[in-house]
Amino acid sequence: MEGIFVEQLIKRKKSKKDIWTSILLVVCGIGFTPMALYFGLVLRYLGYVFLLLLAAVWWAVVRVVKSKTVEYEYIFTDGTLDIDMIIAGSRRGRVITVTRMEMELIAPISHPNSGEYKTLNCSTKDENDRLYYLMTERHDVGRVRVLFNPNDELLEAFKLSRPSIVVTGE
């Protein structure tokens, strides 16, 4: 079973809320710019504060708009699935790590499941993409259902690692 390595990178679709937040922030920044420039040029020494404030506002606008870009990286190595979240193409954080023995079920979202569980959505959030879930039991939070979009290569790696838990077909 040694030597299995599959990596997949997916990009999360921006929601309407993300798009409207970005638009609103840019419009507020554009509206604040003339006022800050006016007071920055009219007032002598206090004007520098407005110019610094203008720079800080635009830095924050750019940072928040870029943070709406989210990607997930699925890394399956020798029976262990690591899911990392990449924000704005630069900040990376581990969402969850699941070993082969912790995996209970990998199935399409249309497959029935029961019980109480916490859901981690690590998918593209696009209705047209193939959506699967992975059920696992965590000692700290209980039953967890991880939503993700595996490609055929990743599903094949799951089957090679532990074929009894993988349900395919939709």
N, C-alpha and C. Protein backbone atom coordinates (compact mmCIF):
# COMPACT_ATOMS: atom_id res chain seq x y z
N MET A 1 0.83 -1.19 0.00
CA MET A 1 0.00 0.00 0.00
C MET A 1 0.87 1.26 0.00
N GLU A 2 2.17 1.09 0.15
CA GLU A 2 3.06 2.24 0.19
C GLU A 2 3.20 2.86 -1.20
N GLY A 3 3.48 4.15 -1.25
CA GLY A 3 3.77 4.82 -2.50
C GLY A 3 2.60 5.46 -3.19
N ILE A 4 1.44 5.55 -2.57
CA ILE A 4 0.30 6.22 -3.20
C ILE A 4 0.38 7.71 -2.87
N PHE A 5 0.39 8.53 -3.91
CA PHE A 5 0.39 9.97 -3.73
C PHE A 5 -0.48 10.60 -4.80
N VAL A 6 -1.54 11.27 -4.39
CA VAL A 6 -2.43 11.98 -5.30
C VAL A 6 -2.67 13.36 -4.73
N GLU A 7 -2.60 14.36 -5.61
CA GLU A 7 -2.79 15.74 -5.20
C GLU A 7 -3.81 16.38 -6.14
N GLN A 8 -4.74 17.15 -5.57
CA GLN A 8 -5.74 17.83 -6.37
C GLN A 8 -5.97 19.22 -5.78
N LEU A 9 -6.05 20.22 -6.65
CA LEU A 9 -6.29 21.59 -6.24
C LEU A 9 -7.60 22.05 -6.86
N ILE A 10 -8.52 22.55 -6.03
CA ILE A 10 -9.79 23.07 -6.53
C ILE A 10 -9.97 24.50 -6.04
N LYS A 11 -10.71 25.28 -6.80
CA LYS A 11 -10.98 26.67 -6.44
C LYS A 11 -12.45 26.81 -6.05
N ARG A 12 -12.69 27.42 -4.91
CA ARG A 12 -14.06 27.63 -4.43
C ARG A 12 -14.72 28.75 -5.22
N LYS A 13 -15.96 28.52 -5.60
CA LYS A 13 -16.74 29.53 -6.32
C LYS A 13 -17.14 30.63 -5.33
N LYS A 14 -17.02 31.88 -5.78
CA LYS A 14 -17.38 33.00 -4.91
C LYS A 14 -18.90 33.08 -4.81
N SER A 15 -19.39 33.30 -3.60
CA SER A 15 -20.82 33.44 -3.38
C SER A 15 -21.26 34.86 -3.72
N LYS A 16 -22.57 35.04 -3.81
CA LYS A 16 -23.09 36.39 -4.07
C LYS A 16 -22.72 37.35 -2.95
N LYS A 17 -22.69 36.84 -1.72
CA LYS A 17 -22.31 37.67 -0.58
C LYS A 17 -20.86 38.14 -0.72
N ASP A 18 -19.96 37.25 -1.16
CA ASP A 18 -18.56 37.62 -1.36
C ASP A 18 -18.43 38.70 -2.43
N ILE A 19 -19.16 38.54 -3.52
CA ILE A 19 -19.09 39.50 -4.61
C ILE A 19 -19.62 40.86 -4.17
N TRP A 20 -20.77 40.88 -3.48
CA TRP A 20 -21.34 42.15 -3.04
C TRP A 20 -20.49 42.82 -1.98
N THR A 21 -19.86 42.04 -1.12
CA THR A 21 -18.96 42.62 -0.12
C THR A 21 -17.79 43.31 -0.81
N SER A 22 -17.22 42.65 -1.81
CA SER A 22 -16.10 43.24 -2.54
C SER A 22 -16.52 44.53 -3.25
N ILE A 23 -17.66 44.50 -3.90
CA ILE A 23 -18.16 45.69 -4.60
C ILE A 23 -18.39 46.84 -3.62
N LEU A 24 -19.02 46.54 -2.49
CA LEU A 24 -19.30 47.57 -1.49
C LEU A 24 -18.01 48.18 -0.94
N LEU A 25 -17.02 47.35 -0.66
CA LEU A 25 -15.75 47.86 -0.14
C LEU A 25 -15.04 48.76 -1.16
N VAL A 26 -15.05 48.36 -2.42
CA VAL A 26 -14.40 49.18 -3.46
C VAL A 26 -15.14 50.51 -3.62
N VAL A 27 -16.46 50.48 -3.61
CA VAL A 27 -17.24 51.72 -3.73
C VAL A 27 -16.97 52.64 -2.54
N CYS A 28 -16.91 52.09 -1.34
CA CYS A 28 -16.59 52.91 -0.15
C CYS A 28 -15.18 53.50 -0.26
N GLY A 29 -14.24 52.70 -0.76
CA GLY A 29 -12.88 53.21 -0.94
C GLY A 29 -12.82 54.32 -1.95
N ILE A 30 -13.57 54.16 -3.04
CA ILE A 30 -13.61 55.21 -4.07
C ILE A 30 -14.28 56.46 -3.51
N GLY A 31 -15.31 56.29 -2.72
CA GLY A 31 -15.99 57.44 -2.11
C GLY A 31 -15.14 58.15 -1.08
N PHE A 32 -14.29 57.43 -0.38
CA PHE A 32 -13.45 58.01 0.66
C PHE A 32 -12.23 58.73 0.07
N THR A 33 -11.78 58.32 -1.10
CA THR A 33 -10.55 58.85 -1.69
C THR A 33 -10.59 60.36 -1.93
N PRO A 34 -11.60 60.92 -2.60
CA PRO A 34 -11.58 62.38 -2.83
C PRO A 34 -11.62 63.19 -1.53
N MET A 35 -12.39 62.69 -0.56
CA MET A 35 -12.48 63.41 0.71
C MET A 35 -11.12 63.40 1.42
N ALA A 36 -10.46 62.26 1.44
CA ALA A 36 -9.17 62.17 2.11
C ALA A 36 -8.11 63.00 1.37
N LEU A 37 -8.16 62.99 0.05
CA LEU A 37 -7.21 63.80 -0.71
C LEU A 37 -7.45 65.30 -0.48
N TYR A 38 -8.71 65.71 -0.43
CA TYR A 38 -9.03 67.12 -0.19
C TYR A 38 -8.49 67.57 1.16
N PHE A 39 -8.85 66.82 2.21
CA PHE A 39 -8.38 67.21 3.55
C PHE A 39 -6.87 67.02 3.68
N GLY A 40 -6.33 66.05 2.94
CA GLY A 40 -4.88 65.85 2.99
C GLY A 40 -4.11 67.00 2.37
N LEU A 41 -4.69 67.64 1.36
CA LEU A 41 -4.00 68.74 0.71
C LEU A 41 -4.32 70.10 1.33
N VAL A 42 -5.53 70.24 1.91
CA VAL A 42 -5.94 71.53 2.49
C VAL A 42 -5.33 71.74 3.87
N LEU A 43 -5.41 70.75 4.71
CA LEU A 43 -4.88 70.88 6.07
C LEU A 43 -3.36 70.68 6.04
N ARG A 44 -2.67 71.47 6.78
CA ARG A 44 -1.21 71.42 6.72
C ARG A 44 -0.66 70.14 7.34
N TYR A 45 -0.53 70.10 8.62
CA TYR A 45 0.13 68.97 9.27
C TYR A 45 -0.84 67.83 9.53
N LEU A 46 -2.10 68.16 9.75
CA LEU A 46 -3.11 67.12 9.97
C LEU A 46 -3.44 66.41 8.67
N GLY A 47 -3.10 67.00 7.55
CA GLY A 47 -3.36 66.40 6.25
C GLY A 47 -2.63 65.09 6.04
N TYR A 48 -1.46 64.96 6.63
CA TYR A 48 -0.72 63.70 6.51
C TYR A 48 -1.47 62.54 7.14
N VAL A 49 -2.21 62.82 8.17
CA VAL A 49 -3.01 61.77 8.81
C VAL A 49 -4.06 61.25 7.83
N PHE A 50 -4.70 62.16 7.10
CA PHE A 50 -5.70 61.73 6.12
C PHE A 50 -5.08 60.93 4.98
N LEU A 51 -3.89 61.32 4.56
CA LEU A 51 -3.22 60.57 3.50
C LEU A 51 -2.80 59.18 3.98
N LEU A 52 -2.34 59.10 5.21
CA LEU A 52 -2.02 57.78 5.79
C LEU A 52 -3.28 56.93 5.97
N LEU A 53 -4.35 57.58 6.37
CA LEU A 53 -5.63 56.88 6.52
C LEU A 53 -6.13 56.37 5.17
N LEU A 54 -5.94 57.17 4.12
CA LEU A 54 -6.32 56.74 2.78
C LEU A 54 -5.53 55.50 2.35
N ALA A 55 -4.25 55.49 2.62
CA ALA A 55 -3.42 54.32 2.29
C ALA A 55 -3.87 53.09 3.08
N ALA A 56 -4.20 53.29 4.34
CA ALA A 56 -4.66 52.17 5.17
C ALA A 56 -6.00 51.62 4.69
N VAL A 57 -6.89 52.51 4.27
CA VAL A 57 -8.20 52.06 3.76
C VAL A 57 -8.02 51.22 2.51
N TRP A 58 -7.20 51.68 1.56
CA TRP A 58 -7.02 50.92 0.32
C TRP A 58 -6.26 49.61 0.57
N TRP A 59 -5.34 49.61 1.53
CA TRP A 59 -4.66 48.35 1.89
C TRP A 59 -5.68 47.35 2.41
N ALA A 60 -6.59 47.81 3.27
CA ALA A 60 -7.62 46.92 3.82
C ALA A 60 -8.58 46.44 2.74
N VAL A 61 -8.97 47.32 1.83
CA VAL A 61 -9.88 46.92 0.75
C VAL A 61 -9.24 45.82 -0.10
N VAL A 62 -8.00 46.02 -0.50
CA VAL A 62 -7.31 45.02 -1.32
C VAL A 62 -7.17 43.70 -0.56
N ARG A 63 -6.82 43.77 0.71
CA ARG A 63 -6.63 42.55 1.52
C ARG A 63 -7.94 41.77 1.66
N VAL A 64 -9.04 42.45 1.93
CA VAL A 64 -10.32 41.77 2.10
C VAL A 64 -10.81 41.19 0.78
N VAL A 65 -10.68 41.94 -0.31
CA VAL A 65 -11.13 41.44 -1.62
C VAL A 65 -10.31 40.22 -2.02
N LYS A 66 -9.00 40.24 -1.80
CA LYS A 66 -8.16 39.09 -2.14
C LYS A 66 -8.46 37.89 -1.25
N SER A 67 -8.88 38.14 -0.01
CA SER A 67 -9.15 37.03 0.91
C SER A 67 -10.40 36.25 0.53
N LYS A 68 -11.18 36.77 -0.39
CA LYS A 68 -12.37 36.05 -0.85
C LYS A 68 -12.01 34.94 -1.84
N THR A 69 -10.77 34.90 -2.29
CA THR A 69 -10.30 33.85 -3.19
C THR A 69 -9.79 32.68 -2.34
N VAL A 70 -10.52 31.56 -2.40
CA VAL A 70 -10.20 30.40 -1.57
C VAL A 70 -10.01 29.17 -2.46
N GLU A 71 -8.95 28.43 -2.20
CA GLU A 71 -8.68 27.18 -2.89
C GLU A 71 -8.49 26.09 -1.84
N TYR A 72 -8.82 24.86 -2.23
CA TYR A 72 -8.58 23.71 -1.36
C TYR A 72 -7.64 22.76 -2.07
N GLU A 73 -6.71 22.21 -1.32
CA GLU A 73 -5.79 21.22 -1.85
C GLU A 73 -6.01 19.90 -1.11
N TYR A 74 -6.34 18.88 -1.88
CA TYR A 74 -6.52 17.54 -1.32
C TYR A 74 -5.22 16.77 -1.60
N ILE A 75 -4.60 16.27 -0.55
CA ILE A 75 -3.37 15.51 -0.69
C ILE A 75 -3.58 14.15 -0.04
N PHE A 76 -3.54 13.10 -0.84
CA PHE A 76 -3.71 11.73 -0.34
C PHE A 76 -2.36 11.02 -0.45
N THR A 77 -1.76 10.72 0.70
CA THR A 77 -0.44 10.11 0.74
C THR A 77 -0.47 8.87 1.62
N ASP A 78 -0.28 7.71 1.00
CA ASP A 78 -0.18 6.44 1.72
C ASP A 78 -1.29 6.24 2.74
N GLY A 79 -2.52 6.50 2.34
CA GLY A 79 -3.66 6.25 3.20
C GLY A 79 -4.09 7.40 4.09
N THR A 80 -3.45 8.54 3.98
CA THR A 80 -3.80 9.71 4.79
C THR A 80 -4.24 10.84 3.87
N LEU A 81 -5.42 11.39 4.15
CA LEU A 81 -5.94 12.53 3.38
C LEU A 81 -5.73 13.80 4.19
N ASP A 82 -5.03 14.74 3.59
CA ASP A 82 -4.85 16.08 4.16
C ASP A 82 -5.60 17.05 3.28
N ILE A 83 -6.42 17.90 3.90
CA ILE A 83 -7.11 18.95 3.16
C ILE A 83 -6.61 20.29 3.70
N ASP A 84 -6.01 21.07 2.79
CA ASP A 84 -5.49 22.39 3.14
C ASP A 84 -6.33 23.46 2.48
N MET A 85 -6.50 24.59 3.16
CA MET A 85 -7.20 25.73 2.59
C MET A 85 -6.16 26.81 2.29
N ILE A 86 -6.20 27.33 1.05
CA ILE A 86 -5.28 28.36 0.62
C ILE A 86 -6.09 29.63 0.37
N ILE A 87 -5.78 30.68 1.11
CA ILE A 87 -6.51 31.94 1.02
C ILE A 87 -5.63 32.95 0.29
N ALA A 88 -6.21 33.58 -0.74
CA ALA A 88 -5.55 34.63 -1.52
C ALA A 88 -4.26 34.15 -2.16
N GLY A 89 -4.12 32.87 -2.37
CA GLY A 89 -2.94 32.33 -3.03
C GLY A 89 -1.68 32.35 -2.21
N SER A 90 -1.77 32.77 -0.94
CA SER A 90 -0.54 32.88 -0.15
C SER A 90 -0.65 32.29 1.25
N ARG A 91 -1.77 32.43 1.90
CA ARG A 91 -1.90 31.91 3.26
C ARG A 91 -2.49 30.51 3.21
N ARG A 92 -1.84 29.57 3.90
CA ARG A 92 -2.25 28.18 3.86
C ARG A 92 -2.51 27.70 5.29
N GLY A 93 -3.56 26.89 5.41
CA GLY A 93 -3.88 26.30 6.71
C GLY A 93 -4.47 24.91 6.53
N ARG A 94 -4.18 24.03 7.45
CA ARG A 94 -4.69 22.67 7.41
C ARG A 94 -6.12 22.66 7.93
N VAL A 95 -7.05 22.12 7.16
CA VAL A 95 -8.44 22.03 7.57
C VAL A 95 -8.66 20.75 8.36
N ILE A 96 -8.22 19.62 7.80
CA ILE A 96 -8.42 18.34 8.46
C ILE A 96 -7.42 17.33 7.90
N THR A 97 -7.05 16.39 8.74
CA THR A 97 -6.24 15.24 8.34
C THR A 97 -6.99 13.99 8.78
N VAL A 98 -7.20 13.06 7.84
CA VAL A 98 -7.94 11.84 8.13
C VAL A 98 -7.09 10.65 7.67
N THR A 99 -6.82 9.73 8.57
CA THR A 99 -6.07 8.54 8.19
C THR A 99 -7.01 7.49 7.61
N ARG A 100 -6.43 6.49 6.99
CA ARG A 100 -7.19 5.42 6.35
C ARG A 100 -8.12 4.73 7.35
N MET A 101 -7.66 4.51 8.56
CA MET A 101 -8.47 3.80 9.55
C MET A 101 -9.58 4.66 10.15
N GLU A 102 -9.45 6.00 10.06
CA GLU A 102 -10.49 6.90 10.57
C GLU A 102 -11.63 7.10 9.57
N MET A 103 -11.39 6.78 8.30
CA MET A 103 -12.41 6.96 7.27
C MET A 103 -13.49 5.90 7.42
N GLU A 104 -14.76 6.35 7.50
CA GLU A 104 -15.88 5.42 7.63
C GLU A 104 -16.59 5.19 6.30
N LEU A 105 -16.77 6.27 5.53
CA LEU A 105 -17.52 6.17 4.28
C LEU A 105 -17.14 7.32 3.37
N ILE A 106 -16.97 7.01 2.08
CA ILE A 106 -16.77 8.02 1.05
C ILE A 106 -17.83 7.74 -0.01
N ALA A 107 -18.75 8.70 -0.19
CA ALA A 107 -19.89 8.45 -1.07
C ALA A 107 -20.34 9.75 -1.73
N PRO A 108 -21.08 9.63 -2.85
CA PRO A 108 -21.67 10.83 -3.46
C PRO A 108 -22.68 11.46 -2.51
N ILE A 109 -22.91 12.72 -2.67
CA ILE A 109 -23.82 13.45 -1.78
C ILE A 109 -25.24 12.90 -1.86
N SER A 110 -25.59 12.24 -2.96
CA SER A 110 -26.92 11.66 -3.11
C SER A 110 -27.09 10.37 -2.29
N HIS A 111 -25.99 9.80 -1.84
CA HIS A 111 -26.05 8.58 -1.03
C HIS A 111 -26.58 8.93 0.37
N PRO A 112 -27.53 8.15 0.90
CA PRO A 112 -28.10 8.49 2.20
C PRO A 112 -27.10 8.33 3.34
N ASN A 113 -27.22 9.21 4.32
CA ASN A 113 -26.44 9.07 5.54
C ASN A 113 -27.33 9.45 6.72
N SER A 114 -26.96 8.99 7.87
CA SER A 114 -27.82 9.24 9.04
C SER A 114 -26.96 9.64 10.22
N GLY A 115 -27.62 10.19 11.21
CA GLY A 115 -26.95 10.55 12.45
C GLY A 115 -26.60 12.02 12.52
N GLU A 116 -26.16 12.42 13.68
CA GLU A 116 -25.73 13.78 13.92
C GLU A 116 -24.28 13.93 13.48
N TYR A 117 -23.96 15.00 12.82
CA TYR A 117 -22.60 15.22 12.37
C TYR A 117 -22.35 16.70 12.18
N LYS A 118 -21.09 17.06 12.25
CA LYS A 118 -20.66 18.42 11.93
C LYS A 118 -20.18 18.38 10.49
N THR A 119 -20.51 19.41 9.70
CA THR A 119 -20.15 19.43 8.29
C THR A 119 -19.02 20.42 8.04
N LEU A 120 -17.99 19.95 7.35
CA LEU A 120 -16.90 20.79 6.86
C LEU A 120 -17.04 20.87 5.35
N ASN A 121 -17.28 22.04 4.82
CA ASN A 121 -17.47 22.20 3.37
C ASN A 121 -16.14 22.61 2.74
N CYS A 122 -15.47 21.65 2.13
CA CYS A 122 -14.20 21.89 1.45
C CYS A 122 -14.38 21.66 -0.05
N SER A 123 -15.48 22.14 -0.57
CA SER A 123 -15.83 21.90 -1.98
C SER A 123 -15.82 23.21 -2.75
N THR A 124 -16.11 23.11 -4.05
CA THR A 124 -16.15 24.29 -4.90
C THR A 124 -17.42 25.11 -4.71
N LYS A 125 -18.42 24.53 -4.08
CA LYS A 125 -19.75 25.14 -3.92
C LYS A 125 -20.42 25.41 -5.26
N ASP A 126 -20.10 24.59 -6.24
CA ASP A 126 -20.70 24.69 -7.57
C ASP A 126 -21.60 23.48 -7.76
N GLU A 127 -22.86 23.73 -8.11
CA GLU A 127 -23.83 22.64 -8.24
C GLU A 127 -23.47 21.70 -9.38
N ASN A 128 -22.71 22.16 -10.36
CA ASN A 128 -22.37 21.35 -11.52
C ASN A 128 -21.20 20.39 -11.27
N ASP A 129 -20.46 20.60 -10.20
CA ASP A 129 -19.32 19.73 -9.89
C ASP A 129 -19.77 18.49 -9.12
N ARG A 130 -19.01 17.43 -9.29
CA ARG A 130 -19.30 16.17 -8.60
C ARG A 130 -18.96 16.34 -7.12
N LEU A 131 -19.96 16.15 -6.25
CA LEU A 131 -19.80 16.37 -4.82
C LEU A 131 -19.86 15.05 -4.07
N TYR A 132 -18.86 14.80 -3.24
CA TYR A 132 -18.79 13.61 -2.39
C TYR A 132 -18.69 14.05 -0.95
N TYR A 133 -18.94 13.11 -0.05
CA TYR A 133 -18.68 13.37 1.36
C TYR A 133 -17.88 12.23 1.95
N LEU A 134 -17.12 12.57 2.98
CA LEU A 134 -16.32 11.61 3.72
C LEU A 134 -16.78 11.66 5.16
N MET A 135 -17.18 10.53 5.70
CA MET A 135 -17.60 10.46 7.10
C MET A 135 -16.44 9.96 7.94
N THR A 136 -16.24 10.60 9.09
CA THR A 136 -15.19 10.19 10.00
C THR A 136 -15.62 10.52 11.43
N GLU A 137 -14.98 9.89 12.36
CA GLU A 137 -15.24 10.14 13.79
C GLU A 137 -14.01 10.81 14.36
N ARG A 138 -14.20 12.00 14.96
CA ARG A 138 -13.10 12.74 15.57
C ARG A 138 -13.27 12.72 17.08
N HIS A 139 -12.20 12.55 17.80
CA HIS A 139 -12.29 12.49 19.26
C HIS A 139 -12.70 13.82 19.89
N ASP A 140 -12.40 14.92 19.23
CA ASP A 140 -12.68 16.23 19.81
C ASP A 140 -14.04 16.80 19.45
N VAL A 141 -14.59 16.48 18.27
CA VAL A 141 -15.87 17.05 17.85
C VAL A 141 -16.94 16.02 17.53
N GLY A 142 -16.60 14.77 17.50
CA GLY A 142 -17.59 13.73 17.19
C GLY A 142 -17.59 13.40 15.71
N ARG A 143 -18.77 13.04 15.19
CA ARG A 143 -18.89 12.66 13.78
C ARG A 143 -18.76 13.88 12.88
N VAL A 144 -17.97 13.76 11.84
CA VAL A 144 -17.71 14.86 10.91
C VAL A 144 -17.99 14.36 9.49
N ARG A 145 -18.69 15.20 8.73
CA ARG A 145 -18.93 14.94 7.31
C ARG A 145 -18.19 16.01 6.52
N VAL A 146 -17.19 15.58 5.75
CA VAL A 146 -16.38 16.49 4.96
C VAL A 146 -16.89 16.47 3.52
N LEU A 147 -17.36 17.62 3.02
CA LEU A 147 -17.80 17.73 1.64
C LEU A 147 -16.61 18.12 0.78
N PHE A 148 -16.39 17.38 -0.32
CA PHE A 148 -15.27 17.68 -1.19
C PHE A 148 -15.56 17.21 -2.61
N ASN A 149 -14.72 17.62 -3.57
CA ASN A 149 -14.90 17.32 -4.99
C ASN A 149 -13.72 16.49 -5.49
N PRO A 150 -13.71 15.18 -5.25
CA PRO A 150 -12.56 14.39 -5.71
C PRO A 150 -12.63 14.11 -7.21
N ASN A 151 -11.47 14.08 -7.85
CA ASN A 151 -11.42 13.66 -9.24
C ASN A 151 -11.31 12.13 -9.30
N ASP A 152 -11.28 11.57 -10.49
CA ASP A 152 -11.24 10.11 -10.65
C ASP A 152 -9.96 9.52 -10.07
N GLU A 153 -8.87 10.21 -10.20
CA GLU A 153 -7.59 9.72 -9.68
C GLU A 153 -7.62 9.62 -8.16
N LEU A 154 -8.21 10.60 -7.50
CA LEU A 154 -8.31 10.58 -6.05
C LEU A 154 -9.25 9.48 -5.57
N LEU A 155 -10.38 9.30 -6.26
CA LEU A 155 -11.29 8.22 -5.91
C LEU A 155 -10.63 6.85 -6.08
N GLU A 156 -9.83 6.70 -7.12
CA GLU A 156 -9.12 5.44 -7.35
C GLU A 156 -8.12 5.18 -6.23
N ALA A 157 -7.46 6.23 -5.75
CA ALA A 157 -6.52 6.07 -4.64
C ALA A 157 -7.25 5.64 -3.37
N PHE A 158 -8.45 6.20 -3.13
CA PHE A 158 -9.25 5.76 -1.98
C PHE A 158 -9.61 4.28 -2.10
N LYS A 159 -9.99 3.86 -3.32
CA LYS A 159 -10.36 2.46 -3.55
C LYS A 159 -9.18 1.53 -3.33
N LEU A 160 -7.99 1.95 -3.77
CA LEU A 160 -6.80 1.12 -3.55
C LEU A 160 -6.45 1.03 -2.07
N SER A 161 -6.66 2.11 -1.36
CA SER A 161 -6.31 2.15 0.06
C SER A 161 -7.29 1.36 0.92
N ARG A 162 -8.58 1.58 0.69
CA ARG A 162 -9.61 0.91 1.50
C ARG A 162 -10.88 0.78 0.68
N PRO A 163 -10.99 -0.26 -0.14
CA PRO A 163 -12.10 -0.36 -1.09
C PRO A 163 -13.47 -0.53 -0.45
N SER A 164 -13.56 -1.02 0.76
CA SER A 164 -14.86 -1.31 1.36
C SER A 164 -15.63 -0.06 1.76
N ILE A 165 -14.98 1.10 1.88
CA ILE A 165 -15.68 2.30 2.33
C ILE A 165 -16.11 3.21 1.20
N VAL A 166 -15.65 2.95 -0.03
CA VAL A 166 -15.90 3.83 -1.15
C VAL A 166 -17.15 3.40 -1.90
N VAL A 167 -18.12 4.33 -2.02
CA VAL A 167 -19.32 4.12 -2.80
C VAL A 167 -19.21 5.05 -4.01
N THR A 168 -19.27 4.46 -5.22
CA THR A 168 -19.17 5.30 -6.42
C THR A 168 -20.49 5.24 -7.17
N GLY A 169 -20.55 6.02 -8.23
CA GLY A 169 -21.78 6.08 -9.03
C GLY A 169 -22.75 7.07 -8.44
N GLU A 170 -23.52 7.69 -9.33
CA GLU A 170 -24.44 8.72 -8.82
C GLU A 170 -25.85 8.48 -9.27
